[in-house]
Amino acid sequence: MRPPEVLRCAWHDKVPLVHKMMRPFEDLRRRHLKGDRTAVLEQVERYTAPSGNRWIVVLRARKSGIQVYHFVWYRGTDNRIRAMRIRWDGGGQAHFSWHVLEQYAARFSPDVEAEERLLQFVTHNYDVAFKAEEIGEDNTNMNMFGGIRQGLLFGVLDEQADIVYITTFVDHSLFFPDQIQLMEQLDFQRFMGSLSDGQRQAILEKRRKQEGGEERP
């Protein structure tokens, strides 16, 4: 299947998938409430939907609440695995090519089977922060840079399909100086995305005061 077809098919799984995750969600919420409220707890669930789609779902609990990340994966006609991060709010679907997963394998997990490798990749890199770079005024696509915990992702955004096609993975050991700066920016963006609205506003206000100084009467 082509990525747009994968996306359309994945949407049919929303109701059974949400229902399936209710118990793990509640179990994680209770575990977090009983433990250290400042800690971050992560839990990974695998699920095969009635449609046959295979899912990896990451639940992350922290003081600001529980966030849920959904990945559907499939094999192409060449039998290689691809995956797509699905967002039910309809924004920023991300498709991971087989090449990305092979690059990841060469660096982190050369000796495991493809399905286990995908699970490792998602478990460690489920939260992605993207930065766009316009290619041209008349082009509907934009270059995209994605920050993850173990490196950088490179790809293109198809605005019409609303899908980021991720084609390349580079780990930290291969960064150029400008990529280190980009990684730091995206790391901060990922961190901010994990917070509540109130926490984000407090941090931004603190940064504004530090950078510009407090106004004097």
C-alpha atoms as a PDB file:
ATOM      1  CA  MET A   1       0.000   0.000   0.000  1.00  0.00           C
ATOM      2  CA  ARG A   2       0.982   3.600  -0.519  1.00  0.00           C
ATOM      3  CA  PRO A   3       1.166   5.799   2.623  1.00  0.00           C
ATOM      4  CA  PRO A   4      -2.121   7.668   1.911  1.00  0.00           C
ATOM      5  CA  GLU A   5      -3.873   4.294   1.664  1.00  0.00           C
ATOM      6  CA  VAL A   6      -2.249   3.177   4.921  1.00  0.00           C
ATOM      7  CA  LEU A   7      -3.517   6.343   6.562  1.00  0.00           C
ATOM      8  CA  ARG A   8      -7.090   5.865   5.313  1.00  0.00           C
ATOM      9  CA  CYS A   9      -7.094   2.252   6.460  1.00  0.00           C
ATOM     10  CA  ALA A  10      -5.668   3.166   9.867  1.00  0.00           C
ATOM     11  CA  TRP A  11      -8.524   5.569  10.573  1.00  0.00           C
ATOM     12  CA  HIS A  12     -10.963   2.646  10.565  1.00  0.00           C
ATOM     13  CA  ASP A  13      -9.111   1.263  13.604  1.00  0.00           C
ATOM     14  CA  LYS A  14      -9.609   4.311  15.802  1.00  0.00           C
ATOM     15  CA  VAL A  15     -12.629   3.076  17.786  1.00  0.00           C
ATOM     16  CA  PRO A  16     -11.365  -0.478  18.537  1.00  0.00           C
ATOM     17  CA  LEU A  17      -7.861   0.831  19.231  1.00  0.00           C
ATOM     18  CA  VAL A  18      -9.015   3.478  21.689  1.00  0.00           C
ATOM     19  CA  HIS A  19     -11.222   0.899  23.386  1.00  0.00           C
ATOM     20  CA  LYS A  20      -8.322  -1.594  23.592  1.00  0.00           C
ATOM     21  CA  MET A  21      -6.046   1.007  25.214  1.00  0.00           C
ATOM     22  CA  MET A  22      -8.526   2.022  27.915  1.00  0.00           C
ATOM     23  CA  ARG A  23      -7.367  -0.589  30.418  1.00  0.00           C
ATOM     24  CA  PRO A  24      -3.589  -0.044  29.923  1.00  0.00           C
ATOM     25  CA  PHE A  25      -4.238   3.706  30.104  1.00  0.00           C
ATOM     26  CA  GLU A  26      -6.090   3.388  33.409  1.00  0.00           C
ATOM     27  CA  ASP A  27      -3.512   0.940  34.831  1.00  0.00           C
ATOM     28  CA  LEU A  28      -0.691   3.346  34.010  1.00  0.00           C
ATOM     29  CA  ARG A  29      -2.597   6.290  35.480  1.00  0.00           C
ATOM     30  CA  ARG A  30      -3.091   4.457  38.776  1.00  0.00           C
ATOM     31  CA  ARG A  31       0.526   3.304  38.880  1.00  0.00           C
ATOM     32  CA  HIS A  32       1.704   6.862  38.360  1.00  0.00           C
ATOM     33  CA  LEU A  33      -0.633   8.229  41.051  1.00  0.00           C
ATOM     34  CA  LYS A  34       0.657   5.681  43.580  1.00  0.00           C
ATOM     35  CA  GLY A  35       4.321   6.321  42.799  1.00  0.00           C
ATOM     36  CA  ASP A  36       6.515   9.357  42.377  1.00  0.00           C
ATOM     37  CA  ARG A  37       4.296  11.986  40.734  1.00  0.00           C
ATOM     38  CA  THR A  38       7.339  13.776  39.318  1.00  0.00           C
ATOM     39  CA  ALA A  39       8.549  10.634  37.548  1.00  0.00           C
ATOM     40  CA  VAL A  40       7.920   9.799  33.885  1.00  0.00           C
ATOM     41  CA  LEU A  41       6.496   6.336  33.241  1.00  0.00           C
ATOM     42  CA  GLU A  42       6.428   4.779  29.769  1.00  0.00           C
ATOM     43  CA  GLN A  43       4.514   1.729  28.636  1.00  0.00           C
ATOM     44  CA  VAL A  44       4.449   0.100  25.186  1.00  0.00           C
ATOM     45  CA  GLU A  45       1.479  -1.910  23.933  1.00  0.00           C
ATOM     46  CA  ARG A  46       1.126  -3.993  20.761  1.00  0.00           C
ATOM     47  CA  TYR A  47      -2.227  -4.649  19.145  1.00  0.00           C
ATOM     48  CA  THR A  48      -3.572  -6.274  15.976  1.00  0.00           C
ATOM     49  CA  ALA A  49      -6.853  -4.672  14.974  1.00  0.00           C
ATOM     50  CA  PRO A  50      -9.820  -6.565  13.480  1.00  0.00           C
ATOM     51  CA  SER A  51      -8.810  -4.993  10.154  1.00  0.00           C
ATOM     52  CA  GLY A  52      -5.483  -6.811  10.348  1.00  0.00           C
ATOM     53  CA  ASN A  53      -3.495  -3.610  10.919  1.00  0.00           C
ATOM     54  CA  ARG A  54      -0.684  -4.006  13.428  1.00  0.00           C
ATOM     55  CA  TRP A  55      -0.136  -1.254  15.974  1.00  0.00           C
ATOM     56  CA  ILE A  56       2.484  -0.145  18.476  1.00  0.00           C
ATOM     57  CA  VAL A  57       1.099   2.269  21.076  1.00  0.00           C
ATOM     58  CA  VAL A  58       3.270   4.162  23.553  1.00  0.00           C
ATOM     59  CA  LEU A  59       1.730   5.568  26.728  1.00  0.00           C
ATOM     60  CA  ARG A  60       3.733   8.165  28.637  1.00  0.00           C
ATOM     61  CA  ALA A  61       2.592   9.335  32.072  1.00  0.00           C
ATOM     62  CA  ARG A  62       3.970  12.412  33.777  1.00  0.00           C
ATOM     63  CA  LYS A  63       2.664  15.042  36.150  1.00  0.00           C
ATOM     64  CA  SER A  64       0.961  16.938  33.315  1.00  0.00           C
ATOM     65  CA  GLY A  65      -1.044  13.843  32.296  1.00  0.00           C
ATOM     66  CA  ILE A  66      -0.817  10.847  29.968  1.00  0.00           C
ATOM     67  CA  GLN A  67       0.171  11.202  26.340  1.00  0.00           C
ATOM     68  CA  VAL A  68      -0.510   8.495  23.770  1.00  0.00           C
ATOM     69  CA  TYR A  69       1.490   7.869  20.581  1.00  0.00           C
ATOM     70  CA  HIS A  70       0.109   5.579  17.853  1.00  0.00           C
ATOM     71  CA  PHE A  71       2.174   3.780  15.185  1.00  0.00           C
ATOM     72  CA  VAL A  72       0.747   1.445  12.557  1.00  0.00           C
ATOM     73  CA  TRP A  73       3.160  -0.739  10.618  1.00  0.00           C
ATOM     74  CA  TYR A  74       3.056  -2.938   7.531  1.00  0.00           C
ATOM     75  CA  ARG A  75       5.222  -4.764   5.015  1.00  0.00           C
ATOM     76  CA  GLY A  76       5.550  -3.573   1.425  1.00  0.00           C
ATOM     77  CA  THR A  77       5.623  -5.754  -1.662  1.00  0.00           C
ATOM     78  CA  ASP A  78       9.364  -6.189  -1.037  1.00  0.00           C
ATOM     79  CA  ASN A  79       8.542  -7.597   2.434  1.00  0.00           C
ATOM     80  CA  ARG A  80      10.363  -4.711   4.130  1.00  0.00           C
ATOM     81  CA  ILE A  81       8.716  -3.008   7.103  1.00  0.00           C
ATOM     82  CA  ARG A  82       7.405   0.547   6.979  1.00  0.00           C
ATOM     83  CA  ALA A  83       5.583   2.409   9.732  1.00  0.00           C
ATOM     84  CA  MET A  84       3.409   5.486  10.163  1.00  0.00           C
ATOM     85  CA  ARG A  85       2.755   7.631  13.208  1.00  0.00           C
ATOM     86  CA  ILE A  86      -0.953   8.409  13.318  1.00  0.00           C
ATOM     87  CA  ARG A  87      -2.375  11.492  15.005  1.00  0.00           C
ATOM     88  CA  TRP A  88      -6.123  11.439  15.509  1.00  0.00           C
ATOM     89  CA  ASP A  89      -6.212  15.249  15.459  1.00  0.00           C
ATOM     90  CA  GLY A  90      -5.342  14.981  11.777  1.00  0.00           C
ATOM     91  CA  GLY A  91      -2.089  16.921  11.862  1.00  0.00           C
ATOM     92  CA  GLY A  92       1.420  15.834  10.971  1.00  0.00           C
ATOM     93  CA  GLN A  93       1.177  12.156  10.073  1.00  0.00           C
ATOM     94  CA  ALA A  94       4.717  10.769   9.708  1.00  0.00           C
ATOM     95  CA  HIS A  95       5.701   7.866   7.454  1.00  0.00           C
ATOM     96  CA  PHE A  96       8.952   6.015   8.200  1.00  0.00           C
ATOM     97  CA  SER A  97      10.538   4.350   5.177  1.00  0.00           C
ATOM     98  CA  TRP A  98      12.251   0.973   5.238  1.00  0.00           C
ATOM     99  CA  HIS A  99      15.526   2.830   4.606  1.00  0.00           C
ATOM    100  CA  VAL A 100      15.180   4.749   7.890  1.00  0.00           C
ATOM    101  CA  LEU A 101      14.741   1.511   9.810  1.00  0.00           C
ATOM    102  CA  GLU A 102      17.724  -0.094   8.061  1.00  0.00           C
ATOM    103  CA  GLN A 103      19.904   2.907   8.898  1.00  0.00           C
ATOM    104  CA  TYR A 104      18.738   2.623  12.493  1.00  0.00           C
ATOM    105  CA  ALA A 105      19.537  -1.104  12.459  1.00  0.00           C
ATOM    106  CA  ALA A 106      23.066  -0.507  11.206  1.00  0.00           C
ATOM    107  CA  ARG A 107      23.738   1.775  14.174  1.00  0.00           C
ATOM    108  CA  PHE A 108      21.778   0.304  17.074  1.00  0.00           C
ATOM    109  CA  SER A 109      20.370  -3.159  16.404  1.00  0.00           C
ATOM    110  CA  PRO A 110      22.061  -5.052  13.550  1.00  0.00           C
ATOM    111  CA  ASP A 111      21.446  -8.493  15.058  1.00  0.00           C
ATOM    112  CA  VAL A 112      17.689  -8.475  15.727  1.00  0.00           C
ATOM    113  CA  GLU A 113      14.720  -9.327  13.532  1.00  0.00           C
ATOM    114  CA  ALA A 114      12.951  -6.536  11.682  1.00  0.00           C
ATOM    115  CA  GLU A 115       9.847  -6.518  13.899  1.00  0.00           C
ATOM    116  CA  GLU A 116      11.913  -6.320  17.083  1.00  0.00           C
ATOM    117  CA  ARG A 117      14.008  -3.563  15.518  1.00  0.00           C
ATOM    118  CA  LEU A 118      10.881  -1.541  14.760  1.00  0.00           C
ATOM    119  CA  LEU A 119       9.705  -2.004  18.339  1.00  0.00           C
ATOM    120  CA  GLN A 120      13.061  -0.736  19.621  1.00  0.00           C
ATOM    121  CA  PHE A 121      12.963   2.266  17.302  1.00  0.00           C
ATOM    122  CA  VAL A 122       9.446   3.275  18.348  1.00  0.00           C
ATOM    123  CA  THR A 123      10.098   2.649  22.052  1.00  0.00           C
ATOM    124  CA  HIS A 124      13.126   4.964  22.058  1.00  0.00           C
ATOM    125  CA  ASN A 125      11.991   7.538  19.495  1.00  0.00           C
ATOM    126  CA  TYR A 126       8.211   7.847  19.617  1.00  0.00           C
ATOM    127  CA  ASP A 127       8.161  11.596  20.311  1.00  0.00           C
ATOM    128  CA  VAL A 128       9.340  13.564  17.284  1.00  0.00           C
ATOM    129  CA  ALA A 129       9.725  17.336  17.002  1.00  0.00           C
ATOM    130  CA  PHE A 130       9.652  18.648  13.434  1.00  0.00           C
ATOM    131  CA  LYS A 131      11.079  21.768  11.843  1.00  0.00           C
ATOM    132  CA  ALA A 132      10.148  22.771   8.294  1.00  0.00           C
ATOM    133  CA  GLU A 133      12.220  24.419   5.585  1.00  0.00           C
ATOM    134  CA  GLU A 134      10.431  25.661   2.468  1.00  0.00           C
ATOM    135  CA  ILE A 135      11.766  24.338  -0.838  1.00  0.00           C
ATOM    136  CA  GLY A 136      10.172  26.982  -3.051  1.00  0.00           C
ATOM    137  CA  GLU A 137       7.162  29.242  -3.336  1.00  0.00           C
ATOM    138  CA  ASP A 138       5.501  27.167  -6.054  1.00  0.00           C
ATOM    139  CA  ASN A 139       6.242  23.806  -4.435  1.00  0.00           C
ATOM    140  CA  THR A 140       3.693  22.024  -2.274  1.00  0.00           C
ATOM    141  CA  ASN A 141       6.457  20.146  -0.451  1.00  0.00           C
ATOM    142  CA  MET A 142       8.816  21.262   2.319  1.00  0.00           C
ATOM    143  CA  ASN A 143      12.025  19.783   3.665  1.00  0.00           C
ATOM    144  CA  MET A 144      11.493  18.468   7.180  1.00  0.00           C
ATOM    145  CA  PHE A 145      13.939  17.878  10.021  1.00  0.00           C
ATOM    146  CA  GLY A 146      12.819  15.671  12.894  1.00  0.00           C
ATOM    147  CA  GLY A 147      14.442  15.515  16.306  1.00  0.00           C
ATOM    148  CA  ILE A 148      14.267  12.220  18.190  1.00  0.00           C
ATOM    149  CA  ARG A 149      16.120  10.893  21.230  1.00  0.00           C
ATOM    150  CA  GLN A 150      18.759   8.997  19.257  1.00  0.00           C
ATOM    151  CA  GLY A 151      19.398  11.328  16.349  1.00  0.00           C
ATOM    152  CA  LEU A 152      17.862  13.322  13.508  1.00  0.00           C
ATOM    153  CA  LEU A 153      15.329  12.432  10.834  1.00  0.00           C
ATOM    154  CA  PHE A 154      15.222  13.977   7.361  1.00  0.00           C
ATOM    155  CA  GLY A 155      12.299  13.977   4.989  1.00  0.00           C
ATOM    156  CA  VAL A 156       9.719  15.906   3.010  1.00  0.00           C
ATOM    157  CA  LEU A 157       6.243  17.154   3.921  1.00  0.00           C
ATOM    158  CA  ASP A 158       3.526  16.565   1.355  1.00  0.00           C
ATOM    159  CA  GLU A 159       1.099  19.314   2.334  1.00  0.00           C
ATOM    160  CA  GLN A 160      -1.752  17.981   0.217  1.00  0.00           C
ATOM    161  CA  ALA A 161      -1.612  14.540   1.828  1.00  0.00           C
ATOM    162  CA  ASP A 162      -0.549  16.004   5.218  1.00  0.00           C
ATOM    163  CA  ILE A 163       2.137  13.338   5.529  1.00  0.00           C
ATOM    164  CA  VAL A 164       5.809  13.760   6.417  1.00  0.00           C
ATOM    165  CA  TYR A 165       7.760  11.227   4.366  1.00  0.00           C
ATOM    166  CA  ILE A 166      10.833  10.417   6.477  1.00  0.00           C
ATOM    167  CA  THR A 167      13.632   8.983   4.352  1.00  0.00           C
ATOM    168  CA  THR A 168      16.876   9.290   6.333  1.00  0.00           C
ATOM    169  CA  PHE A 169      18.093   8.740   9.902  1.00  0.00           C
ATOM    170  CA  VAL A 170      21.386  10.099  11.275  1.00  0.00           C
ATOM    171  CA  ASP A 171      22.563   9.236  14.779  1.00  0.00           C
ATOM    172  CA  HIS A 172      24.334  11.671  17.118  1.00  0.00           C
ATOM    173  CA  SER A 173      27.819  10.363  16.344  1.00  0.00           C
ATOM    174  CA  LEU A 174      27.577  11.560  12.726  1.00  0.00           C
ATOM    175  CA  PHE A 175      26.310  15.106  13.355  1.00  0.00           C
ATOM    176  CA  PHE A 176      27.841  18.177  11.725  1.00  0.00           C
ATOM    177  CA  PRO A 177      28.167  21.323  13.927  1.00  0.00           C
ATOM    178  CA  ASP A 178      25.011  22.924  12.502  1.00  0.00           C
ATOM    179  CA  GLN A 179      23.097  19.707  13.110  1.00  0.00           C
ATOM    180  CA  ILE A 180      24.109  19.757  16.781  1.00  0.00           C
ATOM    181  CA  GLN A 181      22.490  23.176  17.126  1.00  0.00           C
ATOM    182  CA  LEU A 182      19.390  21.960  15.282  1.00  0.00           C
ATOM    183  CA  MET A 183      19.212  18.925  17.567  1.00  0.00           C
ATOM    184  CA  GLU A 184      19.321  21.138  20.651  1.00  0.00           C
ATOM    185  CA  GLN A 185      16.448  23.241  19.290  1.00  0.00           C
ATOM    186  CA  LEU A 186      14.361  20.172  18.520  1.00  0.00           C
ATOM    187  CA  ASP A 187      15.136  18.610  21.902  1.00  0.00           C
ATOM    188  CA  PHE A 188      13.701  21.707  23.565  1.00  0.00           C
ATOM    189  CA  GLN A 189      10.673  21.543  21.264  1.00  0.00           C
ATOM    190  CA  ARG A 190      10.090  17.887  22.202  1.00  0.00           C
ATOM    191  CA  PHE A 191      10.401  18.765  25.892  1.00  0.00           C
ATOM    192  CA  MET A 192       7.856  21.575  25.573  1.00  0.00           C
ATOM    193  CA  GLY A 193       5.478  19.258  23.761  1.00  0.00           C
ATOM    194  CA  SER A 194       5.440  16.941  26.761  1.00  0.00           C
ATOM    195  CA  LEU A 195       4.225  19.645  29.158  1.00  0.00           C
ATOM    196  CA  SER A 196       0.811  21.014  30.030  1.00  0.00           C
ATOM    197  CA  ASP A 197      -0.261  24.441  28.716  1.00  0.00           C
ATOM    198  CA  GLY A 198       0.372  26.002  32.123  1.00  0.00           C
ATOM    199  CA  GLN A 199       3.858  24.531  32.398  1.00  0.00           C
ATOM    200  CA  ARG A 200       4.750  25.718  28.896  1.00  0.00           C
ATOM    201  CA  GLN A 201       3.568  29.238  29.615  1.00  0.00           C
ATOM    202  CA  ALA A 202       5.587  29.365  32.853  1.00  0.00           C
ATOM    203  CA  ILE A 203       8.771  28.272  31.086  1.00  0.00           C
ATOM    204  CA  LEU A 204       8.290  30.712  28.193  1.00  0.00           C
ATOM    205  CA  GLU A 205       7.644  33.567  30.607  1.00  0.00           C
ATOM    206  CA  LYS A 206      10.789  32.691  32.563  1.00  0.00           C
ATOM    207  CA  ARG A 207      12.847  32.625  29.363  1.00  0.00           C
ATOM    208  CA  ARG A 208      11.475  35.996  28.261  1.00  0.00           C
ATOM    209  CA  LYS A 209      12.536  37.516  31.568  1.00  0.00           C
ATOM    210  CA  GLN A 210      15.997  35.955  31.373  1.00  0.00           C
ATOM    211  CA  GLU A 211      16.592  37.069  27.789  1.00  0.00           C
ATOM    212  CA  GLY A 212      15.146  40.568  27.989  1.00  0.00           C
ATOM    213  CA  GLY A 213      15.245  41.363  31.681  1.00  0.00           C
ATOM    214  CA  GLU A 214      12.195  42.344  33.693  1.00  0.00           C
ATOM    215  CA  GLU A 215      10.690  45.682  32.845  1.00  0.00           C
ATOM    216  CA  ARG A 216      11.361  48.391  35.418  1.00  0.00           C
ATOM    217  CA  PRO A 217       8.556  50.720  36.564  1.00  0.00           C
END
